[in-house]
Amino acid sequence: MFRSLLITILVLVVCSHAPDVVGEELDIRTVAKAFAGEVLANLDEETQANLLAAAEAEPTSEGAEGLAIAMLVNRHLAESAYFYALALERNPDNAALMTSLGAIAHETKEAGLPLTAIGPDELVMLQRVALMLEPDDPSIKHNLATALRDLGTPEALAEARRQLEEAVEADPGNGLFAARLVDVLMDLGLEDLAREVLNRASAHEPASMALAVAKANHFGGEDISRTPEMCEVDFRCSEVCPGGIIGRINLVTCEMENAAAVNACQAGQPFPVAYNCRAQMPQFGILIPGLDPGLSILTPWGSIDILVQGDGTIEAKIRIGGPALQGPLKSRIAIEGSYNPKSGEIRIQGAQGVSIGLPATNNAAADLLKSLGFGPSISIIYKNSPDAGKPNIEPSISTFRGKIVG
C-alpha cells in the first residue's frame, strides 16, 4: 500500500516537472491494461486464445513476466509486449517491469506494429518513474534516454546525453549504452565527441554488435583509431595461468598474445579480450607433479587425476573399476568435479560405462591381473552432456599404469 502511494506521488512529481511529457497523472495500471488490450486486438484469434489460456495458467505477475521473457528470447515481440503489460498491470509498483514494458513498447514501434496506447510521452513517463524508484540502475537510464531521443527536442536530447554518460560511466564495458550515446551525440551534431566515445568503447568491447552497428550507421564502417591509454588490454596472465613447467610455458604464450592484442587495439583492428590459459585433463598418460599443475594417483581399483588451475579452482577426474559383469566385461564409474575455493562453488558430474579386458596370455597370472583391473582393457564411458542434453561416449585404452589412449 505504501509503495503504491509512493508511485502515485512520484508520477505527480514527474508530471509537474517534466516539460516533455503530458501534464497529467499517469495511471500505470490503466496504461498497462490498455496496452495489453491493444496488443491482443492486433493478433489473430488463435493467438489470442493461446495467450489468454497462458495468462490464465500463470495468474501471477512473476508468471506473466516469465512468459514475456520467453517470448522475447524467441523474438515474438507482440506476444512478449502483451505479457510484459499483463505483468505490470498485476504489479504496477515494479520498476523493472515499468522499464521493461517501456523498452518492449519501443521495440514494437521500431518493428512497425500499429500500437498507440503507449506513445512517446507515456514511454518517457514510464522510464522516469522507474528511474526515480531505482536511481542507480544504468539500464533504466539507457531506456529513458532511448525514449527521450524519440521526442527529439533539444531539451530531451540534452537530458538523454546526461543519462547515457552516467550509464556508460557506471558500466563502461556495455557496448549498447555506448552505442546509444554515440547516436545521441550525432543527433546533437557532436561528431568528434561521438567518434571518441565509439573508439573508447570499442577498446573495452571490440566484439560488440551494437558498436559495430553504430560505427556502420554514422561513420560508414571506416577504421577507427585508438590512443594507447584506450587500449588497456589485460589478460591477467599471472592470475589465470596455472603452475608447473607447462603452466609457465603457457604464461609466456599468454603474455605474448596480450602484447599482440594491445597492438591490434591501437591499430584499430579487432582483438581478443581474454586468453584461455587453463590446464587440460590428460587425454593419455598421467599428470606429473612439477611438470603439470597437478598429479595422478593410480590404484588397483582405478585412478584419480587432480588439476589446480591458475585461479585456484581444483578439478578432479575419478575412474573406478566396478565388479565383473560377465567374462571380461566389467562395470566402470566415472566422476568429474571441480571446487572453487574463492566462491565455494562445487560441481560434480557422474557417468557410468563398461570395460572389456583385452586378450593377452591365457594363464592364471593374466586372469588375476584382469580381475584386479590392471588391464590392459578398453573402457567406454557414457556421459550425459549438460550442453547438448544427450549422451556421448568416451572411449579409452587402459593399463595398470593408467590411461594411455583417449
Protein backbone atom coordinates (compact mmCIF):
# COMPACT_ATOMS: atom_id res chain seq x y z
CA MET A 1 0.00 0.00 0.00
CA PHE A 2 2.79 2.42 0.92
CA ARG A 3 4.69 1.64 -2.28
CA SER A 4 1.55 2.27 -4.37
CA LEU A 5 1.13 5.63 -2.69
CA LEU A 6 4.78 6.40 -3.36
CA ILE A 7 4.31 5.56 -7.05
CA THR A 8 1.36 7.94 -7.27
CA ILE A 9 3.37 10.74 -5.64
CA LEU A 10 6.30 10.11 -7.97
CA VAL A 11 4.05 10.23 -11.02
CA LEU A 12 2.60 13.56 -9.88
CA VAL A 13 6.11 14.95 -9.29
CA VAL A 14 7.34 13.75 -12.66
CA CYS A 15 4.33 15.18 -14.49
CA SER A 16 4.70 18.57 -12.87
CA HIS A 17 8.45 18.87 -13.58
CA ALA A 18 8.85 17.21 -16.98
CA PRO A 19 8.15 19.61 -19.89
CA ASP A 20 8.48 16.86 -22.48
CA VAL A 21 5.61 14.73 -21.22
CA VAL A 22 1.90 15.23 -20.81
CA GLY A 23 0.96 17.23 -17.75
CA GLU A 24 -1.49 14.70 -16.39
CA GLU A 25 -1.29 11.95 -13.84
CA LEU A 26 -0.25 8.65 -15.42
CA ASP A 27 -2.13 5.66 -14.02
CA ILE A 28 0.40 2.90 -14.63
CA ARG A 29 -2.04 0.03 -14.21
CA THR A 30 -4.50 1.67 -16.63
CA VAL A 31 -1.79 2.29 -19.24
CA ALA A 32 -0.53 -1.29 -18.95
CA LYS A 33 -4.05 -2.70 -19.25
CA ALA A 34 -4.81 -0.56 -22.29
CA PHE A 35 -1.58 -1.58 -23.98
CA ALA A 36 -2.19 -5.28 -23.30
CA GLY A 37 -5.68 -4.99 -24.77
CA GLU A 38 -4.41 -3.20 -27.87
CA VAL A 39 -1.70 -5.80 -28.45
CA LEU A 40 -4.25 -8.60 -28.11
CA ALA A 41 -6.64 -6.92 -30.56
CA ASN A 42 -3.92 -6.85 -33.24
CA LEU A 43 -3.36 -10.61 -33.12
CA ASP A 44 -5.30 -13.38 -34.86
CA GLU A 45 -7.98 -15.26 -32.98
CA GLU A 46 -5.93 -18.43 -32.46
CA THR A 47 -3.01 -16.49 -30.99
CA GLN A 48 -5.40 -14.51 -28.81
CA ALA A 49 -6.88 -17.72 -27.42
CA ASN A 50 -3.41 -19.16 -26.74
CA LEU A 51 -2.24 -16.02 -24.93
CA LEU A 52 -5.38 -15.82 -22.80
CA ALA A 53 -5.05 -19.50 -21.88
CA ALA A 54 -1.39 -18.98 -20.92
CA ALA A 55 -2.29 -15.89 -18.88
CA GLU A 56 -4.93 -17.88 -17.02
CA ALA A 57 -2.49 -20.70 -16.35
CA GLU A 58 0.08 -18.21 -14.97
CA PRO A 59 -2.07 -15.87 -12.83
CA THR A 60 0.81 -14.07 -11.07
CA SER A 61 2.90 -11.12 -12.17
CA GLU A 62 6.02 -13.31 -11.98
CA GLY A 63 4.39 -15.91 -14.22
CA ALA A 64 3.46 -13.31 -16.83
CA GLU A 65 6.98 -11.87 -16.71
CA GLY A 66 8.47 -15.33 -17.28
CA LEU A 67 6.27 -15.79 -20.35
CA ALA A 68 7.26 -12.32 -21.57
CA ILE A 69 10.95 -13.17 -21.34
CA ALA A 70 10.42 -16.49 -23.13
CA MET A 71 8.55 -14.73 -25.95
CA LEU A 72 11.22 -12.03 -26.22
CA VAL A 73 14.05 -14.56 -26.44
CA ASN A 74 12.29 -16.06 -29.45
CA ARG A 75 11.65 -12.56 -30.87
CA HIS A 76 7.87 -12.77 -30.66
CA LEU A 77 7.61 -9.05 -29.93
CA ALA A 78 3.83 -8.63 -29.82
CA GLU A 79 3.34 -11.64 -27.57
CA SER A 80 6.18 -10.51 -25.30
CA ALA A 81 4.69 -7.00 -25.11
CA TYR A 82 1.33 -8.47 -24.08
CA PHE A 83 2.81 -10.45 -21.20
CA TYR A 84 5.01 -7.56 -20.01
CA ALA A 85 1.93 -5.31 -19.96
CA LEU A 86 -0.02 -8.00 -18.13
CA ALA A 87 2.79 -8.42 -15.57
CA LEU A 88 2.88 -4.66 -14.90
CA GLU A 89 -0.91 -4.48 -14.67
CA ARG A 90 -0.74 -7.14 -11.97
CA ASN A 91 2.15 -5.42 -10.18
CA PRO A 92 2.20 -1.69 -11.08
CA ASP A 93 4.78 -0.85 -8.38
CA ASN A 94 7.63 -2.78 -10.02
CA ALA A 95 10.35 -0.55 -11.54
CA ALA A 96 11.89 -3.42 -13.54
CA LEU A 97 8.55 -4.15 -15.19
CA MET A 98 7.99 -0.46 -15.94
CA THR A 99 11.27 -0.07 -17.74
CA SER A 100 10.91 -3.44 -19.49
CA LEU A 101 7.44 -2.54 -20.77
CA GLY A 102 8.75 0.80 -21.98
CA ALA A 103 11.61 -0.92 -23.79
CA ILE A 104 9.41 -3.55 -25.45
CA ALA A 105 6.85 -0.90 -26.42
CA HIS A 106 9.69 0.99 -28.11
CA GLU A 107 10.74 -2.18 -29.93
CA THR A 108 7.22 -2.83 -31.20
CA LYS A 109 7.17 0.74 -32.52
CA GLU A 110 10.52 0.20 -34.26
CA ALA A 111 9.14 -3.04 -35.75
CA GLY A 112 6.20 -1.14 -37.23
CA LEU A 113 3.43 -2.69 -35.14
CA PRO A 114 0.36 -0.39 -35.08
CA LEU A 115 0.28 0.17 -31.31
CA THR A 116 -0.56 3.60 -29.93
CA ALA A 117 -1.75 3.01 -26.35
CA ILE A 118 1.77 3.88 -25.15
CA GLY A 119 3.01 6.89 -27.08
CA PRO A 120 6.28 8.83 -26.83
CA ASP A 121 5.09 10.79 -23.79
CA GLU A 122 3.98 7.68 -21.91
CA LEU A 123 7.26 5.94 -22.78
CA VAL A 124 9.22 8.78 -21.18
CA MET A 125 6.90 8.82 -18.17
CA LEU A 126 7.26 5.09 -17.50
CA GLN A 127 11.04 5.35 -17.59
CA ARG A 128 11.11 8.44 -15.39
CA VAL A 129 9.05 6.78 -12.68
CA ALA A 130 11.15 3.61 -12.91
CA LEU A 131 14.35 5.65 -12.56
CA MET A 132 13.01 7.52 -9.53
CA LEU A 133 12.39 4.14 -7.90
CA GLU A 134 15.82 2.77 -8.95
CA PRO A 135 18.02 5.86 -9.45
CA ASP A 136 21.31 3.95 -9.78
CA ASP A 137 20.22 1.43 -12.44
CA PRO A 138 22.17 2.18 -15.67
CA SER A 139 19.81 0.07 -17.80
CA ILE A 140 16.86 2.29 -16.82
CA LYS A 141 18.94 5.37 -17.65
CA HIS A 142 19.59 3.85 -21.06
CA ASN A 143 15.90 3.12 -21.58
CA LEU A 144 14.91 6.63 -20.50
CA ALA A 145 17.47 8.13 -22.89
CA THR A 146 16.10 5.99 -25.72
CA ALA A 147 12.58 7.28 -25.02
CA LEU A 148 13.82 10.89 -24.79
CA ARG A 149 15.61 10.52 -28.11
CA ASP A 150 12.31 9.63 -29.74
CA LEU A 151 10.93 13.00 -28.60
CA GLY A 152 13.76 14.66 -30.48
CA THR A 153 13.61 18.10 -28.84
CA PRO A 154 16.88 19.82 -27.89
CA GLU A 155 15.94 19.56 -24.19
CA ALA A 156 15.14 15.86 -24.49
CA LEU A 157 18.39 15.12 -26.37
CA ALA A 158 20.44 17.04 -23.79
CA GLU A 159 18.88 15.02 -20.98
CA ALA A 160 19.34 11.78 -22.93
CA ARG A 161 23.04 12.61 -23.24
CA ARG A 162 23.38 13.14 -19.48
CA GLN A 163 21.60 9.88 -18.68
CA LEU A 164 23.73 7.89 -21.12
CA GLU A 165 27.00 9.41 -19.91
CA GLU A 166 26.09 8.27 -16.41
CA ALA A 167 25.16 4.80 -17.68
CA VAL A 168 28.45 4.44 -19.58
CA GLU A 169 30.41 5.62 -16.55
CA ALA A 170 28.64 3.02 -14.39
CA ASP A 171 29.19 0.22 -16.91
CA PRO A 172 31.99 1.12 -19.39
CA GLY A 173 32.02 -2.40 -20.83
CA ASN A 174 28.41 -2.24 -22.03
CA GLY A 175 28.55 -1.65 -25.77
CA LEU A 176 24.82 -0.94 -26.03
CA PHE A 177 24.99 2.03 -23.64
CA ALA A 178 27.96 3.50 -25.52
CA ALA A 179 26.34 2.93 -28.92
CA ARG A 180 23.19 4.78 -27.81
CA LEU A 181 25.36 7.64 -26.52
CA VAL A 182 27.03 7.80 -29.96
CA ASP A 183 23.56 8.04 -31.54
CA VAL A 184 22.55 10.95 -29.28
CA LEU A 185 25.84 12.80 -29.76
CA MET A 186 25.44 12.54 -33.51
CA ASP A 187 21.87 13.89 -33.16
CA LEU A 188 23.37 16.85 -31.29
CA GLY A 189 25.95 17.40 -34.03
CA LEU A 190 28.90 16.45 -31.82
CA GLU A 191 30.66 14.15 -34.30
CA ASP A 192 34.18 14.39 -32.85
CA LEU A 193 32.94 13.52 -29.37
CA ALA A 194 30.81 10.68 -30.78
CA ARG A 195 33.86 9.26 -32.53
CA GLU A 196 35.88 9.45 -29.31
CA VAL A 197 33.14 7.63 -27.37
CA LEU A 198 32.95 4.95 -30.07
CA ASN A 199 36.70 4.44 -30.13
CA ARG A 200 36.99 4.23 -26.35
CA ALA A 201 34.02 1.85 -26.04
CA SER A 202 35.30 -0.45 -28.79
CA ALA A 203 38.57 -0.75 -26.86
CA HIS A 204 36.52 -2.14 -23.95
CA GLU A 205 34.16 -4.25 -26.05
CA PRO A 206 35.68 -4.95 -29.51
CA ALA A 207 33.11 -7.62 -30.41
CA SER A 208 30.01 -5.55 -29.56
CA MET A 209 27.36 -5.79 -32.27
CA ALA A 210 25.75 -2.54 -31.04
CA LEU A 211 29.03 -0.66 -31.51
CA ALA A 212 29.53 -2.22 -34.94
CA VAL A 213 26.06 -1.01 -35.97
CA ALA A 214 26.76 2.50 -34.64
CA LYS A 215 30.06 2.56 -36.50
CA ALA A 216 28.36 1.50 -39.74
CA ASN A 217 25.42 3.90 -39.34
CA HIS A 218 27.40 7.02 -38.51
CA PHE A 219 30.89 6.51 -39.91
CA GLY A 220 30.35 4.15 -42.84
CA GLY A 221 32.30 1.34 -41.16
CA GLU A 222 35.59 3.24 -41.54
CA ASP A 223 38.61 2.20 -39.49
CA ILE A 224 38.88 3.73 -36.06
CA SER A 225 41.98 4.85 -34.20
CA ARG A 226 42.61 4.38 -30.52
CA THR A 227 45.10 6.10 -28.27
CA PRO A 228 47.41 3.91 -26.13
CA GLU A 229 45.54 4.81 -22.95
CA MET A 230 42.34 3.44 -24.50
CA CYS A 231 43.93 0.05 -25.06
CA GLU A 232 44.40 -1.20 -21.55
CA VAL A 233 44.02 -4.86 -22.54
CA ASP A 234 44.90 -7.16 -19.65
CA PHE A 235 44.57 -10.95 -19.93
CA ARG A 236 45.68 -11.26 -16.26
CA CYS A 237 48.11 -13.96 -17.34
CA SER A 238 49.80 -14.30 -13.95
CA GLU A 239 46.38 -14.95 -12.38
CA VAL A 240 44.76 -17.28 -14.92
CA CYS A 241 47.76 -19.43 -15.90
CA PRO A 242 48.38 -22.44 -13.62
CA GLY A 243 51.68 -23.54 -12.10
CA GLY A 244 54.12 -26.20 -13.25
CA ILE A 245 56.58 -26.12 -16.14
CA ILE A 246 53.81 -26.43 -18.74
CA GLY A 247 51.82 -23.70 -17.00
CA ARG A 248 54.83 -21.35 -17.11
CA ILE A 249 55.22 -22.01 -20.85
CA ASN A 250 51.56 -21.13 -21.28
CA LEU A 251 52.15 -17.97 -19.21
CA VAL A 252 54.77 -16.78 -21.72
CA THR A 253 52.39 -17.51 -24.59
CA CYS A 254 49.62 -15.66 -22.80
CA GLU A 255 51.78 -12.57 -22.32
CA MET A 256 52.81 -12.63 -26.00
CA GLU A 257 49.15 -12.82 -27.03
CA ASN A 258 48.37 -9.95 -24.66
CA ALA A 259 51.00 -7.77 -26.31
CA ALA A 260 49.62 -8.66 -29.75
CA ALA A 261 46.10 -7.73 -28.61
CA VAL A 262 47.31 -4.30 -27.41
CA ASN A 263 49.00 -3.67 -30.79
CA ALA A 264 45.84 -4.70 -32.66
CA CYS A 265 43.74 -2.45 -30.44
CA GLN A 266 45.94 0.58 -31.09
CA ALA A 267 45.82 -0.15 -34.82
CA GLY A 268 42.01 -0.07 -34.74
CA GLN A 269 41.76 -3.77 -35.56
CA PRO A 270 39.65 -6.47 -33.87
CA PHE A 271 41.41 -8.05 -30.90
CA PRO A 272 40.71 -10.64 -28.19
CA VAL A 273 39.98 -9.55 -24.61
CA ALA A 274 40.93 -12.79 -22.84
CA TYR A 275 43.20 -15.81 -23.15
CA ASN A 276 42.39 -19.38 -22.15
CA CYS A 277 45.37 -20.46 -20.07
CA ARG A 278 43.63 -23.31 -18.26
CA ALA A 279 45.37 -26.65 -17.97
CA GLN A 280 43.63 -29.65 -19.53
CA MET A 281 42.99 -33.06 -18.05
CA PRO A 282 45.26 -35.62 -19.73
CA GLN A 283 43.82 -37.46 -22.67
CA PHE A 284 46.54 -40.05 -22.20
CA GLY A 285 49.26 -40.75 -19.69
CA ILE A 286 49.32 -39.24 -16.22
CA LEU A 287 49.83 -35.84 -14.60
CA ILE A 288 53.41 -35.40 -13.39
CA PRO A 289 53.95 -33.09 -10.38
CA GLY A 290 56.26 -30.20 -11.25
CA LEU A 291 55.68 -30.63 -14.97
CA ASP A 292 51.90 -30.35 -14.77
CA PRO A 293 49.90 -28.29 -12.24
CA GLY A 294 48.59 -31.45 -10.64
CA LEU A 295 49.12 -35.17 -10.18
CA SER A 296 47.66 -38.58 -10.92
CA ILE A 297 47.05 -41.25 -8.30
CA LEU A 298 46.88 -44.82 -9.59
CA THR A 299 45.36 -47.65 -7.54
CA PRO A 300 44.25 -51.23 -8.26
CA TRP A 301 40.63 -50.05 -8.38
CA GLY A 302 41.11 -47.01 -10.65
CA SER A 303 42.76 -43.64 -10.97
CA ILE A 304 42.38 -40.05 -9.77
CA ASP A 305 43.60 -37.06 -11.80
CA ILE A 306 43.82 -33.72 -9.97
CA LEU A 307 44.48 -30.31 -11.58
CA VAL A 308 44.94 -26.92 -9.90
CA GLN A 309 44.08 -24.05 -12.23
CA GLY A 310 45.62 -20.59 -12.05
CA ASP A 311 42.55 -19.10 -10.32
CA GLY A 312 42.77 -21.74 -7.59
CA THR A 313 39.99 -23.95 -8.95
CA ILE A 314 40.65 -27.64 -8.24
CA GLU A 315 39.47 -30.10 -10.86
CA ALA A 316 39.35 -33.87 -10.40
CA LYS A 317 38.54 -36.85 -12.58
CA ILE A 318 37.99 -40.23 -10.93
CA ARG A 319 37.79 -43.55 -12.77
CA ILE A 320 36.68 -46.55 -10.73
CA GLY A 321 36.51 -50.17 -11.89
CA GLY A 322 33.39 -51.91 -10.59
CA PRO A 323 32.51 -55.58 -10.22
CA ALA A 324 32.72 -58.05 -13.12
CA LEU A 325 29.55 -58.32 -15.19
CA GLN A 326 30.24 -61.32 -17.41
CA GLY A 327 33.51 -62.78 -18.64
CA PRO A 328 35.95 -59.96 -19.47
CA LEU A 329 33.18 -57.34 -19.14
CA LYS A 330 33.40 -55.10 -16.05
CA SER A 331 31.43 -52.08 -14.92
CA ARG A 332 33.07 -48.66 -14.81
CA ILE A 333 32.17 -45.48 -12.91
CA ALA A 334 33.44 -42.02 -13.81
CA ILE A 335 33.15 -38.90 -11.66
CA GLU A 336 34.29 -35.44 -12.72
CA GLY A 337 34.12 -32.40 -10.49
CA SER A 338 35.59 -29.06 -9.53
CA TYR A 339 35.84 -26.86 -6.45
CA ASN A 340 36.40 -23.10 -6.45
CA PRO A 341 37.76 -22.05 -3.04
CA LYS A 342 37.03 -18.36 -3.73
CA SER A 343 33.31 -18.77 -4.38
CA GLY A 344 32.81 -22.11 -2.61
CA GLU A 345 31.17 -23.49 -5.76
CA ILE A 346 31.26 -27.28 -6.15
CA ARG A 347 30.37 -29.10 -9.37
CA ILE A 348 30.06 -32.86 -9.70
CA GLN A 349 29.07 -34.91 -12.74
CA GLY A 350 28.83 -38.68 -12.76
CA ALA A 351 28.81 -41.21 -15.58
CA GLN A 352 28.91 -44.96 -15.99
CA GLY A 353 30.14 -47.45 -18.55
CA VAL A 354 31.88 -50.72 -19.11
CA SER A 355 35.40 -52.03 -19.69
CA ILE A 356 36.38 -55.03 -21.74
CA GLY A 357 39.61 -56.86 -20.94
CA LEU A 358 41.90 -57.26 -23.95
CA PRO A 359 43.13 -60.79 -24.67
CA ALA A 360 46.72 -61.37 -23.62
CA THR A 361 48.03 -64.73 -22.49
CA ASN A 362 45.54 -67.32 -21.30
CA ASN A 363 47.08 -68.22 -17.96
CA ALA A 364 46.25 -67.81 -14.30
CA ALA A 365 48.51 -64.75 -13.85
CA ALA A 366 46.88 -62.86 -16.70
CA ASP A 367 43.41 -63.72 -15.45
CA LEU A 368 44.36 -62.49 -11.97
CA LEU A 369 45.65 -59.15 -13.34
CA LYS A 370 42.45 -58.65 -15.33
CA SER A 371 40.27 -59.48 -12.35
CA LEU A 372 42.12 -56.82 -10.31
CA GLY A 373 41.59 -54.25 -13.05
CA PHE A 374 45.24 -53.99 -14.07
CA GLY A 375 44.28 -54.42 -17.74
CA PRO A 376 45.03 -53.78 -20.42
CA SER A 377 41.39 -53.08 -21.25
CA ILE A 378 39.13 -50.93 -23.39
CA SER A 379 36.89 -48.66 -21.32
CA ILE A 380 33.76 -47.00 -22.68
CA ILE A 381 32.18 -44.32 -20.51
CA TYR A 382 28.71 -42.98 -21.26
CA LYS A 383 28.20 -39.37 -20.19
CA ASN A 384 25.22 -37.03 -20.35
CA SER A 385 26.29 -33.74 -21.88
CA PRO A 386 24.85 -30.79 -19.91
CA ASP A 387 25.03 -28.61 -23.03
CA ALA A 388 23.52 -30.84 -25.66
CA GLY A 389 21.25 -32.75 -23.32
CA LYS A 390 22.18 -36.08 -24.87
CA PRO A 391 24.67 -38.83 -24.05
CA ASN A 392 28.15 -39.04 -25.50
CA ILE A 393 30.79 -41.74 -25.39
CA GLU A 394 34.36 -41.51 -24.10
CA PRO A 395 36.49 -44.48 -25.20
CA SER A 396 39.97 -45.19 -23.87
CA ILE A 397 42.54 -47.96 -23.59
CA SER A 398 43.88 -48.54 -20.08
CA THR A 399 46.72 -50.48 -18.49
CA PHE A 400 47.95 -50.84 -14.95
CA ARG A 401 49.98 -47.63 -15.46
CA GLY A 402 46.90 -45.57 -16.23
CA LYS A 403 45.07 -44.44 -19.31
CA ILE A 404 47.35 -44.34 -22.33
CA VAL A 405 44.99 -43.62 -25.22
CA GLY A 406 41.95 -41.33 -25.15
